[in-house]
Amino acid sequence: MLPSLPWRDVVRAFGKAGWQHDSTRSSHYIMTRPGQPGLLSIPMHNPVKRGTLRKLIREAGLTVQQFIDLL
């Protein structure tokens, strides 16, 4: 089962998957991945809700298990 996580843990896990900080807009941490179109907009909330986290994982092209292994 996917846990609710603090936004910093989410950013750290996506960083391990090759995503990099691009900018910070309002209360969102924006990440991009070189060679991959699109971006991830991670809300700086504690915790990031499970549904939002699931959507971010899907947008990053990962499975839930791959993401959990990055934690």
PDB file of N, CA and C in Angstrom:
ATOM      1  N   MET A   1       0.843  -1.184   0.000  1.00  0.00           N
ATOM      2  CA  MET A   1       0.000   0.000   0.000  1.00  0.00           C
ATOM      3  C   MET A   1       0.889   1.247   0.000  1.00  0.00           C
ATOM      4  N   LEU A   2       0.450   2.220  -0.723  1.00  0.00           N
ATOM      5  CA  LEU A   2       1.197   3.463  -0.858  1.00  0.00           C
ATOM      6  C   LEU A   2       0.967   4.344   0.373  1.00  0.00           C
ATOM      7  N   PRO A   3       2.045   4.742   1.056  1.00  0.00           N
ATOM      8  CA  PRO A   3       1.878   5.591   2.239  1.00  0.00           C
ATOM      9  C   PRO A   3       1.726   7.063   1.858  1.00  0.00           C
ATOM     10  N   SER A   4       1.169   7.854   2.758  1.00  0.00           N
ATOM     11  CA  SER A   4       1.197   9.310   2.607  1.00  0.00           C
ATOM     12  C   SER A   4       2.578   9.744   3.072  1.00  0.00           C
ATOM     13  N   LEU A   5       3.230  10.605   2.303  1.00  0.00           N
ATOM     14  CA  LEU A   5       4.606  10.982   2.610  1.00  0.00           C
ATOM     15  C   LEU A   5       4.767  12.488   2.651  1.00  0.00           C
ATOM     16  N   PRO A   6       5.743  12.982   3.418  1.00  0.00           N
ATOM     17  CA  PRO A   6       6.083  14.407   3.363  1.00  0.00           C
ATOM     18  C   PRO A   6       6.623  14.740   1.973  1.00  0.00           C
ATOM     19  N   TRP A   7       6.405  15.950   1.506  1.00  0.00           N
ATOM     20  CA  TRP A   7       6.804  16.321   0.148  1.00  0.00           C
ATOM     21  C   TRP A   7       8.300  16.181  -0.073  1.00  0.00           C
ATOM     22  N   ARG A   8       9.108  16.410   0.943  1.00  0.00           N
ATOM     23  CA  ARG A   8      10.568  16.289   0.773  1.00  0.00           C
ATOM     24  C   ARG A   8      10.972  14.843   0.466  1.00  0.00           C
ATOM     25  N   ASP A   9      10.292  13.870   1.067  1.00  0.00           N
ATOM     26  CA  ASP A   9      10.574  12.461   0.773  1.00  0.00           C
ATOM     27  C   ASP A   9      10.179  12.124  -0.660  1.00  0.00           C
ATOM     28  N   VAL A  10       9.078  12.703  -1.128  1.00  0.00           N
ATOM     29  CA  VAL A  10       8.623  12.487  -2.504  1.00  0.00           C
ATOM     30  C   VAL A  10       9.660  13.050  -3.477  1.00  0.00           C
ATOM     31  N   VAL A  11      10.124  14.259  -3.216  1.00  0.00           N
ATOM     32  CA  VAL A  11      11.133  14.901  -4.072  1.00  0.00           C
ATOM     33  C   VAL A  11      12.411  14.062  -4.089  1.00  0.00           C
ATOM     34  N   ARG A  12      12.834  13.579  -2.948  1.00  0.00           N
ATOM     35  CA  ARG A  12      14.063  12.779  -2.845  1.00  0.00           C
ATOM     36  C   ARG A  12      13.935  11.500  -3.682  1.00  0.00           C
ATOM     37  N   ALA A  13      12.783  10.836  -3.618  1.00  0.00           N
ATOM     38  CA  ALA A  13      12.575   9.601  -4.376  1.00  0.00           C
ATOM     39  C   ALA A  13      12.587   9.871  -5.876  1.00  0.00           C
ATOM     40  N   PHE A  14      11.897  10.929  -6.314  1.00  0.00           N
ATOM     41  CA  PHE A  14      11.914  11.247  -7.743  1.00  0.00           C
ATOM     42  C   PHE A  14      13.315  11.667  -8.189  1.00  0.00           C
ATOM     43  N   GLY A  15      14.069  12.295  -7.310  1.00  0.00           N
ATOM     44  CA  GLY A  15      15.451  12.648  -7.620  1.00  0.00           C
ATOM     45  C   GLY A  15      16.294  11.416  -7.908  1.00  0.00           C
ATOM     46  N   LYS A  16      16.072  10.352  -7.159  1.00  0.00           N
ATOM     47  CA  LYS A  16      16.786   9.097  -7.392  1.00  0.00           C
ATOM     48  C   LYS A  16      16.421   8.489  -8.738  1.00  0.00           C
ATOM     49  N   ALA A  17      15.225   8.825  -9.243  1.00  0.00           N
ATOM     50  CA  ALA A  17      14.763   8.310 -10.541  1.00  0.00           C
ATOM     51  C   ALA A  17      15.211   9.203 -11.693  1.00  0.00           C
ATOM     52  N   GLY A  18      16.008  10.231 -11.410  1.00  0.00           N
ATOM     53  CA  GLY A  18      16.546  11.072 -12.464  1.00  0.00           C
ATOM     54  C   GLY A  18      15.852  12.410 -12.663  1.00  0.00           C
ATOM     55  N   TRP A  19      14.847  12.715 -11.857  1.00  0.00           N
ATOM     56  CA  TRP A  19      14.150  14.003 -11.965  1.00  0.00           C
ATOM     57  C   TRP A  19      14.958  15.063 -11.233  1.00  0.00           C
ATOM     58  N   GLN A  20      14.958  16.289 -11.784  1.00  0.00           N
ATOM     59  CA  GLN A  20      15.744  17.380 -11.214  1.00  0.00           C
ATOM     60  C   GLN A  20      14.868  18.589 -10.934  1.00  0.00           C
ATOM     61  N   HIS A  21      15.271  19.361  -9.928  1.00  0.00           N
ATOM     62  CA  HIS A  21      14.549  20.589  -9.593  1.00  0.00           C
ATOM     63  C   HIS A  21      14.648  21.570 -10.750  1.00  0.00           C
ATOM     64  N   ASP A  22      13.515  22.125 -11.161  1.00  0.00           N
ATOM     65  CA  ASP A  22      13.478  23.114 -12.230  1.00  0.00           C
ATOM     66  C   ASP A  22      13.171  24.487 -11.656  1.00  0.00           C
ATOM     67  N   SER A  23      12.117  24.554 -10.851  1.00  0.00           N
ATOM     68  CA  SER A  23      11.732  25.831 -10.243  1.00  0.00           C
ATOM     69  C   SER A  23      10.763  25.561  -9.093  1.00  0.00           C
ATOM     70  N   THR A  24      10.459  26.622  -8.376  1.00  0.00           N
ATOM     71  CA  THR A  24       9.447  26.561  -7.327  1.00  0.00           C
ATOM     72  C   THR A  24       8.420  27.624  -7.661  1.00  0.00           C
ATOM     73  N   ARG A  25       7.177  27.202  -7.801  1.00  0.00           N
ATOM     74  CA  ARG A  25       6.108  28.138  -8.125  1.00  0.00           C
ATOM     75  C   ARG A  25       5.066  28.068  -7.017  1.00  0.00           C
ATOM     76  N   SER A  26       4.905  29.170  -6.344  1.00  0.00           N
ATOM     77  CA  SER A  26       3.937  29.243  -5.257  1.00  0.00           C
ATOM     78  C   SER A  26       4.249  28.137  -4.255  1.00  0.00           C
ATOM     79  N   SER A  27       3.353  27.188  -4.083  1.00  0.00           N
ATOM     80  CA  SER A  27       3.578  26.114  -3.116  1.00  0.00           C
ATOM     81  C   SER A  27       3.819  24.783  -3.823  1.00  0.00           C
ATOM     82  N   HIS A  28       4.427  24.823  -5.027  1.00  0.00           N
ATOM     83  CA  HIS A  28       4.704  23.616  -5.783  1.00  0.00           C
ATOM     84  C   HIS A  28       6.172  23.560  -6.186  1.00  0.00           C
ATOM     85  N   TYR A  29       6.741  22.387  -6.032  1.00  0.00           N
ATOM     86  CA  TYR A  29       8.138  22.109  -6.382  1.00  0.00           C
ATOM     87  C   TYR A  29       8.098  21.460  -7.760  1.00  0.00           C
ATOM     88  N   ILE A  30       8.656  22.130  -8.766  1.00  0.00           N
ATOM     89  CA  ILE A  30       8.574  21.668 -10.143  1.00  0.00           C
ATOM     90  C   ILE A  30       9.843  20.892 -10.494  1.00  0.00           C
ATOM     91  N   MET A  31       9.666  19.679 -11.036  1.00  0.00           N
ATOM     92  CA  MET A  31      10.797  18.838 -11.421  1.00  0.00           C
ATOM     93  C   MET A  31      10.680  18.456 -12.889  1.00  0.00           C
ATOM     94  N   THR A  32      11.818  18.383 -13.570  1.00  0.00           N
ATOM     95  CA  THR A  32      11.872  17.922 -14.950  1.00  0.00           C
ATOM     96  C   THR A  32      12.905  16.807 -15.033  1.00  0.00           C
ATOM     97  N   ARG A  33      12.823  16.063 -16.138  1.00  0.00           N
ATOM     98  CA  ARG A  33      13.783  14.981 -16.351  1.00  0.00           C
ATOM     99  C   ARG A  33      14.399  15.172 -17.730  1.00  0.00           C
ATOM    100  N   PRO A  34      15.719  15.303 -17.808  1.00  0.00           N
ATOM    101  CA  PRO A  34      16.371  15.499 -19.107  1.00  0.00           C
ATOM    102  C   PRO A  34      16.004  14.378 -20.082  1.00  0.00           C
ATOM    103  N   GLY A  35      15.628  14.780 -21.283  1.00  0.00           N
ATOM    104  CA  GLY A  35      15.278  13.806 -22.300  1.00  0.00           C
ATOM    105  C   GLY A  35      13.854  13.304 -22.231  1.00  0.00           C
ATOM    106  N   GLN A  36      13.078  13.776 -21.286  1.00  0.00           N
ATOM    107  CA  GLN A  36      11.684  13.350 -21.151  1.00  0.00           C
ATOM    108  C   GLN A  36      10.787  14.582 -21.145  1.00  0.00           C
ATOM    109  N   PRO A  37       9.764  14.598 -22.004  1.00  0.00           N
ATOM    110  CA  PRO A  37       8.867  15.752 -22.016  1.00  0.00           C
ATOM    111  C   PRO A  37       8.019  15.801 -20.744  1.00  0.00           C
ATOM    112  N   GLY A  38       7.550  16.974 -20.416  1.00  0.00           N
ATOM    113  CA  GLY A  38       6.673  17.132 -19.269  1.00  0.00           C
ATOM    114  C   GLY A  38       7.411  17.476 -17.997  1.00  0.00           C
ATOM    115  N   LEU A  39       6.634  17.650 -16.943  1.00  0.00           N
ATOM    116  CA  LEU A  39       7.189  18.004 -15.647  1.00  0.00           C
ATOM    117  C   LEU A  39       6.327  17.415 -14.549  1.00  0.00           C
ATOM    118  N   LEU A  40       6.879  17.406 -13.364  1.00  0.00           N
ATOM    119  CA  LEU A  40       6.135  16.981 -12.177  1.00  0.00           C
ATOM    120  C   LEU A  40       5.951  18.205 -11.300  1.00  0.00           C
ATOM    121  N   SER A  41       4.734  18.445 -10.882  1.00  0.00           N
ATOM    122  CA  SER A  41       4.430  19.562 -10.001  1.00  0.00           C
ATOM    123  C   SER A  41       4.038  18.987  -8.640  1.00  0.00           C
ATOM    124  N   ILE A  42       4.983  18.975  -7.722  1.00  0.00           N
ATOM    125  CA  ILE A  42       4.779  18.339  -6.421  1.00  0.00           C
ATOM    126  C   ILE A  42       4.331  19.385  -5.408  1.00  0.00           C
ATOM    127  N   PRO A  43       3.130  19.213  -4.841  1.00  0.00           N
ATOM    128  CA  PRO A  43       2.671  20.182  -3.846  1.00  0.00           C
ATOM    129  C   PRO A  43       3.519  20.068  -2.580  1.00  0.00           C
ATOM    130  N   MET A  44       3.903  21.206  -2.042  1.00  0.00           N
ATOM    131  CA  MET A  44       4.729  21.212  -0.830  1.00  0.00           C
ATOM    132  C   MET A  44       3.811  21.137   0.393  1.00  0.00           C
ATOM    133  N   HIS A  45       3.171  19.963   0.537  1.00  0.00           N
ATOM    134  CA  HIS A  45       2.258  19.702   1.645  1.00  0.00           C
ATOM    135  C   HIS A  45       2.801  18.548   2.463  1.00  0.00           C
ATOM    136  N   ASN A  46       2.467  18.537   3.718  1.00  0.00           N
ATOM    137  CA  ASN A  46       2.815  17.420   4.590  1.00  0.00           C
ATOM    138  C   ASN A  46       1.546  16.861   5.194  1.00  0.00           C
ATOM    139  N   PRO A  47       1.130  15.685   4.822  1.00  0.00           N
ATOM    140  CA  PRO A  47       1.726  14.825   3.798  1.00  0.00           C
ATOM    141  C   PRO A  47       1.127  15.119   2.423  1.00  0.00           C
ATOM    142  N   VAL A  48       1.775  14.577   1.374  1.00  0.00           N
ATOM    143  CA  VAL A  48       1.196  14.601   0.033  1.00  0.00           C
ATOM    144  C   VAL A  48       0.152  13.486   0.025  1.00  0.00           C
ATOM    145  N   LYS A  49      -1.060  13.801  -0.360  1.00  0.00           N
ATOM    146  CA  LYS A  49      -2.145  12.809  -0.329  1.00  0.00           C
ATOM    147  C   LYS A  49      -1.864  11.653  -1.275  1.00  0.00           C
ATOM    148  N   ARG A  50      -2.376  10.484  -0.928  1.00  0.00           N
ATOM    149  CA  ARG A  50      -2.110   9.270  -1.700  1.00  0.00           C
ATOM    150  C   ARG A  50      -2.560   9.376  -3.151  1.00  0.00           C
ATOM    151  N   GLY A  51      -3.723   9.954  -3.387  1.00  0.00           N
ATOM    152  CA  GLY A  51      -4.221  10.094  -4.758  1.00  0.00           C
ATOM    153  C   GLY A  51      -3.321  10.985  -5.594  1.00  0.00           C
ATOM    154  N   THR A  52      -2.866  12.073  -5.008  1.00  0.00           N
ATOM    155  CA  THR A  52      -1.945  12.983  -5.695  1.00  0.00           C
ATOM    156  C   THR A  52      -0.623  12.281  -5.966  1.00  0.00           C
ATOM    157  N   LEU A  53      -0.137  11.538  -4.996  1.00  0.00           N
ATOM    158  CA  LEU A  53       1.118  10.814  -5.138  1.00  0.00           C
ATOM    159  C   LEU A  53       1.017   9.761  -6.239  1.00  0.00           C
ATOM    160  N   ARG A  54      -0.105   9.060  -6.294  1.00  0.00           N
ATOM    161  CA  ARG A  54      -0.333   8.054  -7.330  1.00  0.00           C
ATOM    162  C   ARG A  54      -0.301   8.688  -8.728  1.00  0.00           C
ATOM    163  N   LYS A  55      -0.915   9.861  -8.848  1.00  0.00           N
ATOM    164  CA  LYS A  55      -0.932  10.582 -10.125  1.00  0.00           C
ATOM    165  C   LYS A  55       0.483  10.987 -10.525  1.00  0.00           C
ATOM    166  N   LEU A  56       1.263  11.496  -9.576  1.00  0.00           N
ATOM    167  CA  LEU A  56       2.641  11.891  -9.856  1.00  0.00           C
ATOM    168  C   LEU A  56       3.486  10.688 -10.291  1.00  0.00           C
ATOM    169  N   ILE A  57       3.294   9.556  -9.651  1.00  0.00           N
ATOM    170  CA  ILE A  57       4.040   8.350  -9.996  1.00  0.00           C
ATOM    171  C   ILE A  57       3.713   7.929 -11.425  1.00  0.00           C
ATOM    172  N   ARG A  58       2.442   7.981 -11.780  1.00  0.00           N
ATOM    173  CA  ARG A  58       2.012   7.624 -13.136  1.00  0.00           C
ATOM    174  C   ARG A  58       2.607   8.593 -14.166  1.00  0.00           C
ATOM    175  N   GLU A  59       2.588   9.902 -13.849  1.00  0.00           N
ATOM    176  CA  GLU A  59       3.145  10.907 -14.761  1.00  0.00           C
ATOM    177  C   GLU A  59       4.652  10.729 -14.936  1.00  0.00           C
ATOM    178  N   ALA A  60       5.326  10.208 -13.916  1.00  0.00           N
ATOM    179  CA  ALA A  60       6.771   9.997 -13.980  1.00  0.00           C
ATOM    180  C   ALA A  60       7.122   8.725 -14.745  1.00  0.00           C
ATOM    181  N   GLY A  61       6.123   7.932 -15.094  1.00  0.00           N
ATOM    182  CA  GLY A  61       6.375   6.699 -15.833  1.00  0.00           C
ATOM    183  C   GLY A  61       6.867   5.566 -14.953  1.00  0.00           C
ATOM    184  N   LEU A  62       6.540   5.625 -13.674  1.00  0.00           N
ATOM    185  CA  LEU A  62       6.940   4.595 -12.722  1.00  0.00           C
ATOM    186  C   LEU A  62       5.737   3.786 -12.267  1.00  0.00           C
ATOM    187  N   THR A  63       5.997   2.624 -11.708  1.00  0.00           N
ATOM    188  CA  THR A  63       4.949   1.877 -11.028  1.00  0.00           C
ATOM    189  C   THR A  63       5.031   2.237  -9.540  1.00  0.00           C
ATOM    190  N   VAL A  64       3.994   1.919  -8.811  1.00  0.00           N
ATOM    191  CA  VAL A  64       3.998   2.194  -7.371  1.00  0.00           C
ATOM    192  C   VAL A  64       5.145   1.443  -6.705  1.00  0.00           C
ATOM    193  N   GLN A  65       5.369   0.190  -7.112  1.00  0.00           N
ATOM    194  CA  GLN A  65       6.450  -0.595  -6.506  1.00  0.00           C
ATOM    195  C   GLN A  65       7.813   0.006  -6.807  1.00  0.00           C
ATOM    196  N   GLN A  66       8.024   0.485  -8.029  1.00  0.00           N
ATOM    197  CA  GLN A  66       9.295   1.132  -8.370  1.00  0.00           C
ATOM    198  C   GLN A  66       9.509   2.364  -7.498  1.00  0.00           C
ATOM    199  N   PHE A  67       8.443   3.145  -7.282  1.00  0.00           N
ATOM    200  CA  PHE A  67       8.552   4.339  -6.452  1.00  0.00           C
ATOM    201  C   PHE A  67       8.881   3.954  -5.010  1.00  0.00           C
ATOM    202  N   ILE A  68       8.199   2.956  -4.475  1.00  0.00           N
ATOM    203  CA  ILE A  68       8.441   2.532  -3.088  1.00  0.00           C
ATOM    204  C   ILE A  68       9.889   2.059  -2.931  1.00  0.00           C
ATOM    205  N   ASP A  69      10.420   1.388  -3.959  1.00  0.00           N
ATOM    206  CA  ASP A  69      11.813   0.923  -3.897  1.00  0.00           C
ATOM    207  C   ASP A  69      12.795   2.093  -3.858  1.00  0.00           C
ATOM    208  N   LEU A  70      12.386   3.268  -4.364  1.00  0.00           N
ATOM    209  CA  LEU A  70      13.263   4.442  -4.360  1.00  0.00           C
ATOM    210  C   LEU A  70      13.277   5.156  -3.009  1.00  0.00           C
ATOM    211  N   LEU A  71      12.317   4.859  -2.150  1.00  0.00           N
ATOM    212  CA  LEU A  71      12.241   5.547  -0.855  1.00  0.00           C
ATOM    213  C   LEU A  71      13.382   5.150   0.068  1.00  0.00           C
TER     214      LEU A  71
END
